[in-house]
N, C-alpha and C. Protein backbone atom coordinates (compact mmCIF):
# COMPACT_ATOMS: atom_id res chain seq x y z
N MET A 1 -25.94 -2.87 -22.46
CA MET A 1 -25.34 -2.69 -21.45
C MET A 1 -23.58 -3.00 -22.22
N SER A 2 -22.90 -3.24 -21.18
CA SER A 2 -21.68 -2.46 -21.68
C SER A 2 -20.38 -4.05 -21.64
N VAL A 3 -19.95 -4.76 -22.77
CA VAL A 3 -19.12 -5.59 -22.52
C VAL A 3 -17.98 -5.18 -21.57
N ARG A 4 -17.64 -6.73 -21.08
CA ARG A 4 -16.24 -6.08 -19.91
C ARG A 4 -15.73 -7.06 -19.93
N ASN A 5 -14.67 -7.08 -20.45
CA ASN A 5 -13.58 -8.66 -21.32
C ASN A 5 -12.03 -8.04 -21.18
N ARG A 6 -11.63 -7.12 -20.68
CA ARG A 6 -11.04 -6.46 -20.44
C ARG A 6 -10.11 -7.26 -19.51
N ILE A 7 -9.25 -8.04 -19.19
CA ILE A 7 -8.81 -8.79 -18.54
C ILE A 7 -6.46 -8.07 -18.09
N GLU A 8 -6.65 -7.44 -17.20
CA GLU A 8 -5.12 -7.07 -16.47
C GLU A 8 -4.52 -8.33 -16.42
N ILE A 9 -3.42 -8.91 -16.56
CA ILE A 9 -2.25 -10.50 -15.92
C ILE A 9 -1.26 -9.21 -15.44
N VAL A 10 -1.30 -9.31 -14.51
CA VAL A 10 -1.13 -8.73 -13.21
C VAL A 10 0.88 -10.22 -13.16
N HIS A 11 1.91 -10.23 -13.04
CA HIS A 11 2.80 -10.72 -12.60
C HIS A 11 3.85 -10.20 -11.65
N GLY A 12 4.55 -10.80 -11.31
CA GLY A 12 5.76 -10.08 -9.61
C GLY A 12 7.32 -10.93 -10.06
N VAL A 13 7.39 -10.26 -9.03
CA VAL A 13 9.05 -10.65 -8.78
C VAL A 13 9.01 -12.32 -9.15
N ASN A 14 10.05 -12.36 -10.31
CA ASN A 14 10.71 -13.15 -11.20
C ASN A 14 10.05 -14.45 -11.92
N LEU A 15 9.35 -13.57 -12.07
CA LEU A 15 7.76 -14.54 -12.80
C LEU A 15 9.13 -14.33 -14.58
N ASP A 16 9.41 -12.93 -14.85
CA ASP A 16 10.22 -12.62 -16.44
C ASP A 16 11.42 -13.91 -16.22
N GLN A 17 11.56 -14.45 -15.02
CA GLN A 17 12.73 -15.94 -15.19
C GLN A 17 12.82 -17.26 -15.31
N LEU A 18 11.28 -17.59 -16.15
CA LEU A 18 10.50 -18.23 -16.50
C LEU A 18 11.16 -19.08 -17.84
N GLY A 19 11.56 -20.20 -17.57
CA GLY A 19 12.19 -20.94 -18.64
C GLY A 19 13.84 -21.42 -18.09
N ARG A 20 14.16 -20.05 -16.73
CA ARG A 20 16.02 -20.01 -16.64
C ARG A 20 15.71 -20.60 -15.10
N ARG A 21 14.10 -20.88 -15.09
CA ARG A 21 14.12 -21.10 -12.96
C ARG A 21 13.64 -22.96 -13.65
N ASP A 22 14.12 -23.38 -11.71
CA ASP A 22 13.89 -24.53 -12.22
C ASP A 22 12.58 -25.06 -12.66
N PRO A 23 12.76 -26.04 -13.65
CA PRO A 23 11.18 -26.79 -14.16
C PRO A 23 10.96 -28.04 -13.80
N GLN A 24 11.39 -28.16 -12.28
CA GLN A 24 10.29 -29.76 -11.84
C GLN A 24 9.14 -28.51 -11.18
N ILE A 25 9.41 -27.44 -11.31
CA ILE A 25 8.79 -26.59 -10.38
C ILE A 25 8.27 -25.20 -10.71
N TYR A 26 8.67 -24.72 -12.28
CA TYR A 26 7.32 -24.07 -12.75
C TYR A 26 7.44 -24.76 -14.47
N GLY A 27 7.58 -25.22 -14.63
CA GLY A 27 7.84 -26.44 -15.89
C GLY A 27 8.83 -24.87 -16.94
N GLY A 28 9.01 -26.37 -18.22
CA GLY A 28 10.13 -25.50 -19.39
C GLY A 28 9.70 -23.91 -19.56
N LEU A 29 8.09 -23.45 -19.81
CA LEU A 29 8.08 -22.81 -20.17
C LEU A 29 8.84 -21.11 -20.15
N THR A 30 9.20 -20.67 -21.47
CA THR A 30 9.61 -19.00 -21.05
C THR A 30 8.09 -18.35 -21.24
N PHE A 31 8.86 -17.17 -20.10
CA PHE A 31 7.58 -16.11 -19.68
C PHE A 31 6.75 -15.39 -20.97
N ASP A 32 7.68 -14.85 -22.34
CA ASP A 32 7.39 -15.13 -23.83
C ASP A 32 5.36 -15.76 -23.65
N ALA A 33 6.32 -16.68 -23.65
CA ALA A 33 5.67 -18.03 -24.51
C ALA A 33 4.55 -18.11 -23.52
N LEU A 34 4.46 -18.16 -21.99
CA LEU A 34 3.19 -18.01 -21.42
C LEU A 34 2.08 -16.78 -21.48
N GLU A 35 2.59 -15.85 -22.05
CA GLU A 35 2.77 -14.63 -22.57
C GLU A 35 1.37 -15.39 -23.22
N TYR A 36 2.04 -16.28 -24.13
CA TYR A 36 1.26 -16.29 -26.18
C TYR A 36 0.92 -16.65 -25.64
N ARG A 37 0.56 -17.89 -24.85
CA ARG A 37 -0.99 -18.88 -24.85
C ARG A 37 -1.65 -18.39 -24.10
N ILE A 38 -1.56 -17.03 -23.09
CA ILE A 38 -2.61 -16.71 -21.86
C ILE A 38 -3.86 -15.41 -23.89
N THR A 39 -2.67 -15.18 -24.52
CA THR A 39 -3.40 -13.89 -24.82
C THR A 39 -4.25 -15.01 -25.89
N ALA A 40 -3.78 -16.34 -26.92
CA ALA A 40 -4.45 -16.56 -27.64
C ALA A 40 -6.12 -17.80 -26.21
N TRP A 41 -5.59 -17.48 -25.17
CA TRP A 41 -6.80 -18.30 -24.25
C TRP A 41 -7.83 -17.95 -24.03
N ALA A 42 -7.61 -15.89 -24.14
CA ALA A 42 -8.20 -14.97 -23.57
C ALA A 42 -9.22 -14.72 -24.98
N ALA A 43 -8.10 -14.98 -26.12
CA ALA A 43 -9.34 -14.71 -27.27
C ALA A 43 -10.06 -15.19 -27.73
N GLU A 44 -9.68 -17.08 -27.10
CA GLU A 44 -10.83 -17.83 -27.27
C GLU A 44 -11.92 -17.95 -26.76
N LEU A 45 -11.93 -16.67 -25.41
CA LEU A 45 -13.21 -17.04 -24.58
C LEU A 45 -13.60 -15.52 -24.67
N GLY A 46 -13.40 -14.69 -25.44
CA GLY A 46 -13.14 -12.85 -25.91
C GLY A 46 -12.96 -12.47 -25.00
N LEU A 47 -12.29 -11.87 -24.25
CA LEU A 47 -11.59 -11.54 -23.22
C LEU A 47 -9.41 -11.01 -24.48
N THR A 48 -10.05 -9.89 -23.34
CA THR A 48 -8.60 -9.20 -23.54
C THR A 48 -7.52 -9.16 -23.53
N ALA A 49 -6.69 -9.37 -23.33
CA ALA A 49 -5.70 -9.69 -22.31
C ALA A 49 -4.63 -8.36 -22.78
N ARG A 50 -4.61 -7.59 -21.15
CA ARG A 50 -2.64 -6.33 -21.61
C ARG A 50 -2.10 -7.50 -19.83
N PHE A 51 -0.87 -7.18 -20.66
CA PHE A 51 0.10 -8.04 -19.26
C PHE A 51 1.00 -6.64 -18.50
N PHE A 52 1.98 -6.83 -17.43
CA PHE A 52 2.32 -6.45 -16.93
C PHE A 52 3.00 -7.17 -16.38
N GLN A 53 4.09 -7.07 -15.72
CA GLN A 53 6.08 -7.59 -14.55
C GLN A 53 6.32 -6.62 -14.07
N THR A 54 6.45 -7.28 -12.87
CA THR A 54 7.67 -5.86 -12.53
C THR A 54 8.49 -7.13 -11.35
N ASN A 55 9.20 -6.99 -11.05
CA ASN A 55 10.31 -7.52 -10.40
C ASN A 55 10.42 -6.22 -9.16
N HIS A 56 10.19 -4.70 -8.42
CA HIS A 56 9.89 -4.53 -8.36
C HIS A 56 8.31 -3.73 -7.17
N GLU A 57 8.57 -3.79 -6.30
CA GLU A 57 7.31 -4.43 -4.76
C GLU A 57 6.30 -3.11 -5.36
N GLY A 58 6.66 -1.70 -5.65
CA GLY A 58 6.49 -0.50 -5.53
C GLY A 58 5.46 -0.23 -6.86
N ALA A 59 6.35 -0.65 -8.06
CA ALA A 59 5.67 0.09 -9.18
C ALA A 59 4.83 -1.60 -9.32
N LEU A 60 4.88 -2.66 -9.21
CA LEU A 60 3.39 -3.52 -9.35
C LEU A 60 2.69 -2.49 -8.24
N VAL A 61 2.09 -2.13 -7.04
CA VAL A 61 1.29 -1.16 -6.49
C VAL A 61 0.75 0.25 -7.47
N GLU A 62 1.77 0.37 -7.80
CA GLU A 62 1.26 1.61 -8.45
C GLU A 62 0.56 1.13 -9.87
N HIS A 63 0.86 -0.03 -10.78
CA HIS A 63 0.25 0.07 -11.29
C HIS A 63 -1.03 -0.87 -10.55
N LEU A 64 -1.07 -0.98 -9.77
CA LEU A 64 -2.38 -1.53 -8.98
C LEU A 64 -3.72 -0.15 -9.09
N HIS A 65 -2.84 0.88 -8.96
CA HIS A 65 -3.48 1.63 -9.17
C HIS A 65 -4.51 2.91 -9.85
N THR A 66 -3.48 2.22 -11.25
CA THR A 66 -4.08 2.38 -12.46
C THR A 66 -4.81 1.98 -13.17
N LEU A 67 -5.64 0.88 -12.98
CA LEU A 67 -6.42 0.66 -13.73
C LEU A 67 -7.77 0.41 -13.72
N GLU A 68 -7.85 1.79 -12.69
CA GLU A 68 -9.95 1.94 -13.13
C GLU A 68 -9.66 2.24 -14.14
N GLY A 69 -10.73 1.76 -15.16
CA GLY A 69 -11.54 2.28 -16.57
C GLY A 69 -10.36 2.00 -17.17
N LEU A 70 -9.50 1.31 -16.51
CA LEU A 70 -8.91 0.63 -18.23
C LEU A 70 -8.83 -0.84 -18.18
N ALA A 71 -9.22 -1.59 -16.99
CA ALA A 71 -9.28 -3.71 -17.05
C ALA A 71 -10.76 -3.75 -16.11
N ASP A 72 -11.01 -4.64 -16.30
CA ASP A 72 -12.43 -5.01 -15.96
C ASP A 72 -12.24 -5.96 -14.89
N GLY A 73 -11.24 -6.98 -14.94
CA GLY A 73 -10.69 -7.78 -14.34
C GLY A 73 -9.33 -7.87 -13.98
N ILE A 74 -8.01 -8.78 -13.52
CA ILE A 74 -7.34 -8.98 -12.85
C ILE A 74 -7.03 -10.26 -12.96
N LEU A 75 -5.94 -11.04 -13.02
CA LEU A 75 -5.46 -12.32 -12.84
C LEU A 75 -4.37 -12.16 -12.10
N ILE A 76 -3.48 -12.16 -11.30
CA ILE A 76 -2.50 -11.96 -10.87
C ILE A 76 -1.61 -12.99 -10.39
N ASN A 77 -0.32 -12.72 -10.47
CA ASN A 77 0.41 -13.63 -9.76
C ASN A 77 1.63 -13.48 -9.35
N PRO A 78 1.66 -13.02 -7.78
CA PRO A 78 2.70 -11.78 -7.20
C PRO A 78 4.01 -12.30 -6.71
N GLY A 79 4.00 -13.66 -6.98
CA GLY A 79 5.18 -14.17 -6.55
C GLY A 79 5.01 -14.06 -5.63
N ALA A 80 6.96 -14.43 -5.61
CA ALA A 80 7.17 -15.39 -3.79
C ALA A 80 6.24 -13.28 -3.07
N TRP A 81 5.70 -12.18 -3.56
CA TRP A 81 5.14 -11.25 -2.61
C TRP A 81 3.56 -11.78 -2.39
N THR A 82 2.91 -13.58 -2.89
CA THR A 82 1.80 -13.40 -1.78
C THR A 82 1.61 -13.22 -1.28
N HIS A 83 3.34 -13.68 -0.56
CA HIS A 83 2.94 -14.30 0.99
C HIS A 83 3.41 -13.75 2.03
N TYR A 84 3.60 -12.40 1.29
CA TYR A 84 3.98 -11.06 2.69
C TYR A 84 3.46 -9.70 2.73
N ALA A 85 3.45 -9.66 1.03
CA ALA A 85 3.40 -8.28 0.16
C ALA A 85 2.72 -7.89 0.64
N TRP A 86 1.58 -6.86 2.09
CA TRP A 86 0.65 -6.34 2.68
C TRP A 86 0.49 -4.78 1.82
N ALA A 87 1.75 -4.62 0.97
CA ALA A 87 0.90 -3.71 -0.05
C ALA A 87 0.15 -3.44 -1.04
N ILE A 88 0.89 -5.25 -1.50
CA ILE A 88 0.30 -5.19 -2.82
C ILE A 88 -1.39 -6.00 -2.32
N ARG A 89 -1.13 -6.12 -1.04
CA ARG A 89 -2.78 -7.20 -0.77
C ARG A 89 -3.51 -5.28 -0.96
N GLU A 90 -3.33 -4.41 -0.07
CA GLU A 90 -4.01 -3.17 0.20
C GLU A 90 -4.74 -2.97 -1.56
N ALA A 91 -3.07 -2.17 -2.52
CA ALA A 91 -2.86 -2.11 -4.07
C ALA A 91 -4.43 -3.25 -4.14
N LEU A 92 -4.97 -3.80 -4.32
CA LEU A 92 -5.61 -4.89 -5.23
C LEU A 92 -6.63 -3.90 -4.53
N GLU A 93 -6.89 -4.32 -2.95
CA GLU A 93 -7.99 -3.68 -2.92
C GLU A 93 -8.56 -2.49 -3.28
N ILE A 94 -7.72 -1.32 -3.46
CA ILE A 94 -8.53 -0.31 -3.46
C ILE A 94 -8.64 0.16 -4.96
N ALA A 95 -7.55 -0.90 -6.29
CA ALA A 95 -8.29 -1.52 -7.58
C ALA A 95 -9.71 -1.54 -7.29
N ALA A 96 -10.26 -2.38 -6.29
CA ALA A 96 -12.05 -2.98 -6.34
C ALA A 96 -12.39 -3.16 -7.44
N LEU A 97 -11.25 -4.62 -8.45
CA LEU A 97 -11.70 -5.29 -9.78
C LEU A 97 -12.11 -6.29 -9.57
N PRO A 98 -12.43 -7.66 -9.62
CA PRO A 98 -12.47 -8.70 -9.26
C PRO A 98 -11.50 -9.39 -9.52
N ALA A 99 -10.87 -9.94 -9.71
CA ALA A 99 -9.94 -11.06 -9.21
C ALA A 99 -9.67 -12.47 -8.82
N VAL A 100 -8.86 -12.98 -10.02
CA VAL A 100 -8.66 -14.41 -9.69
C VAL A 100 -6.71 -14.28 -8.94
N GLU A 101 -6.47 -15.27 -8.49
CA GLU A 101 -4.85 -15.43 -7.96
C GLU A 101 -4.82 -17.12 -8.80
N VAL A 102 -3.15 -16.40 -9.54
CA VAL A 102 -2.90 -17.97 -10.22
C VAL A 102 -1.26 -18.51 -9.60
N HIS A 103 -0.93 -19.08 -9.99
CA HIS A 103 -0.14 -20.09 -9.62
C HIS A 103 0.19 -20.77 -10.39
N LEU A 104 1.41 -20.79 -10.98
CA LEU A 104 1.98 -22.13 -11.55
C LEU A 104 2.27 -23.86 -10.54
N SER A 105 2.66 -23.34 -9.95
CA SER A 105 3.36 -24.38 -8.95
C SER A 105 1.98 -24.29 -7.55
N ASN A 106 2.09 -25.05 -6.92
CA ASN A 106 0.87 -25.09 -5.57
C ASN A 106 1.59 -25.09 -4.30
N PRO A 107 2.19 -23.51 -4.21
CA PRO A 107 2.49 -23.39 -2.75
C PRO A 107 1.84 -23.74 -1.46
N SER A 108 1.38 -24.96 -1.22
CA SER A 108 0.65 -25.52 0.07
C SER A 108 1.40 -26.58 -0.05
N ASP A 109 2.28 -27.18 -1.20
CA ASP A 109 2.44 -28.43 -0.84
C ASP A 109 4.01 -27.35 -1.48
N ARG A 110 4.61 -26.95 -0.54
CA ARG A 110 5.63 -26.31 -1.29
C ARG A 110 6.25 -25.80 0.21
N GLU A 111 7.27 -25.12 0.92
CA GLU A 111 7.92 -24.49 1.95
C GLU A 111 6.83 -23.56 2.46
N GLU A 112 6.76 -23.97 3.95
CA GLU A 112 5.90 -23.38 4.88
C GLU A 112 5.50 -21.91 4.46
N TRP A 113 6.53 -21.63 4.52
CA TRP A 113 6.64 -20.33 4.43
C TRP A 113 5.59 -19.41 3.15
N ARG A 114 5.08 -20.68 2.45
CA ARG A 114 4.69 -19.97 0.76
C ARG A 114 3.59 -20.19 1.05
N HIS A 115 2.60 -20.80 2.21
CA HIS A 115 1.34 -21.32 2.72
C HIS A 115 0.23 -20.07 3.32
N LEU A 116 1.18 -19.11 3.24
CA LEU A 116 0.35 -18.04 3.46
C LEU A 116 0.00 -16.96 1.93
N SER A 117 -1.33 -16.29 1.98
CA SER A 117 -1.60 -15.97 0.72
C SER A 117 -1.74 -14.01 0.93
N VAL A 118 -0.72 -13.31 0.92
CA VAL A 118 -2.19 -12.17 1.56
C VAL A 118 -3.55 -11.48 0.77
N ILE A 119 -3.51 -12.13 -0.45
CA ILE A 119 -4.30 -11.59 -0.86
C ILE A 119 -5.03 -12.24 -1.51
N GLU A 120 -5.26 -13.98 -0.80
CA GLU A 120 -6.62 -14.77 -1.37
C GLU A 120 -7.84 -14.32 -1.34
N GLU A 121 -8.23 -13.86 0.53
CA GLU A 121 -9.40 -13.64 0.22
C GLU A 121 -10.16 -12.79 -0.12
N LEU A 122 -8.72 -11.50 -1.14
CA LEU A 122 -9.57 -10.91 -1.89
C LEU A 122 -10.08 -11.10 -2.90
N CYS A 123 -9.78 -12.63 -4.12
CA CYS A 123 -9.86 -12.86 -4.76
C CYS A 123 -11.31 -14.23 -4.95
N LEU A 124 -12.41 -13.84 -6.35
CA LEU A 124 -12.67 -14.51 -6.24
C LEU A 124 -12.53 -15.99 -5.91
N ALA A 125 -11.08 -16.81 -6.46
CA ALA A 125 -11.42 -17.78 -6.97
C ALA A 125 -9.55 -17.77 -6.47
N THR A 126 -8.65 -18.39 -6.01
CA THR A 126 -7.24 -19.16 -7.00
C THR A 126 -7.38 -20.27 -7.18
N VAL A 127 -6.00 -20.87 -8.22
CA VAL A 127 -5.83 -21.47 -9.21
C VAL A 127 -4.43 -21.49 -8.94
N SER A 128 -4.13 -22.24 -8.33
CA SER A 128 -2.85 -23.31 -8.14
C SER A 128 -2.42 -24.40 -8.51
N GLY A 129 -1.07 -24.89 -8.96
CA GLY A 129 -0.81 -26.53 -9.60
C GLY A 129 -1.14 -26.63 -10.75
N GLN A 130 -1.48 -26.04 -11.56
CA GLN A 130 -1.44 -26.83 -13.03
C GLN A 130 -0.90 -25.80 -13.63
N GLY A 131 0.31 -25.62 -13.73
CA GLY A 131 1.25 -25.30 -14.28
C GLY A 131 -0.05 -24.02 -15.25
N PRO A 132 1.04 -24.13 -16.95
CA PRO A 132 0.58 -23.06 -17.29
C PRO A 132 -0.84 -22.69 -17.61
N ASP A 133 -1.47 -24.22 -17.89
CA ASP A 133 -3.29 -24.16 -17.78
C ASP A 133 -3.76 -23.97 -16.62
N GLY A 134 -2.64 -23.36 -15.62
CA GLY A 134 -3.98 -23.06 -15.06
C GLY A 134 -4.52 -21.04 -15.50
N TYR A 135 -3.09 -20.66 -15.97
CA TYR A 135 -3.68 -19.73 -16.68
C TYR A 135 -5.25 -19.41 -17.58
N ARG A 136 -5.35 -20.69 -18.20
CA ARG A 136 -6.70 -20.93 -18.48
C ARG A 136 -7.83 -21.15 -18.02
N GLU A 137 -7.57 -21.66 -16.86
CA GLU A 137 -8.78 -22.32 -15.50
C GLU A 137 -9.05 -20.86 -15.19
N ALA A 138 -7.94 -19.87 -14.98
CA ALA A 138 -8.26 -18.46 -14.34
C ALA A 138 -9.59 -17.59 -14.81
N LEU A 139 -8.77 -17.43 -16.70
CA LEU A 139 -9.60 -16.83 -17.62
C LEU A 139 -11.31 -16.58 -17.56
N VAL A 140 -11.64 -18.72 -17.25
CA VAL A 140 -12.06 -19.37 -17.29
C VAL A 140 -13.22 -17.97 -16.24
N ARG A 141 -12.24 -18.30 -14.95
CA ARG A 141 -13.28 -17.43 -13.51
C ARG A 141 -13.47 -16.95 -13.30
N ILE A 142 -12.86 -15.50 -13.83
CA ILE A 142 -12.85 -14.36 -14.32
C ILE A 142 -14.22 -14.08 -15.58
N LYS A 143 -14.43 -14.96 -16.50
CA LYS A 143 -14.85 -14.57 -17.80
C LYS A 143 -16.45 -14.86 -16.75
N GLN A 144 -16.09 -15.60 -16.16
CA GLN A 144 -17.69 -16.14 -15.75
C GLN A 144 -18.32 -15.18 -15.05
N ALA A 145 -17.14 -14.13 -13.85
CA ALA A 145 -17.90 -13.12 -13.36
C ALA A 145 -17.79 -12.14 -13.40
N LEU A 146 -17.37 -12.29 -14.53
CA LEU A 146 -17.95 -10.74 -15.71
C LEU A 146 -18.98 -11.12 -16.51
N ASP A 147 -19.14 -12.35 -16.60
CA ASP A 147 -20.77 -12.30 -17.54
C ASP A 147 -21.78 -12.31 -15.87
N GLY A 148 -21.61 -12.88 -14.59
CA GLY A 148 -22.39 -12.71 -13.97
C GLY A 148 -23.94 -12.94 -13.89
């Protein structure tokens, strides 16, 4: 039996601006510090994390298209694209990998337009409103699915 432990961490629009964005909503952690924490948490769980971030919707779509054979699962935070980027939803569906949606804030506690997630039904779980620690929870969820 092969080990399934390769997790693609996909960050969408404006996530690279963590540390500059409203700390009341997103916390004060920088994007690099977040990736460092995720890498450590993944290692503790026996997972290997690889990262991708873009502010270009088409680049995210094309990246999801490349994951076949390279990843066993996906943690995805599309940022604002969560709420309207149907092309990202279709690309996630094409990727056909177990996925967990993760958000630093809780979109359902924010503006009305943030309440819809176009990817939610493709994901085995959504983790939101836990700040950076939500990524650890998301890693646990994806590991459970992979260990199945």
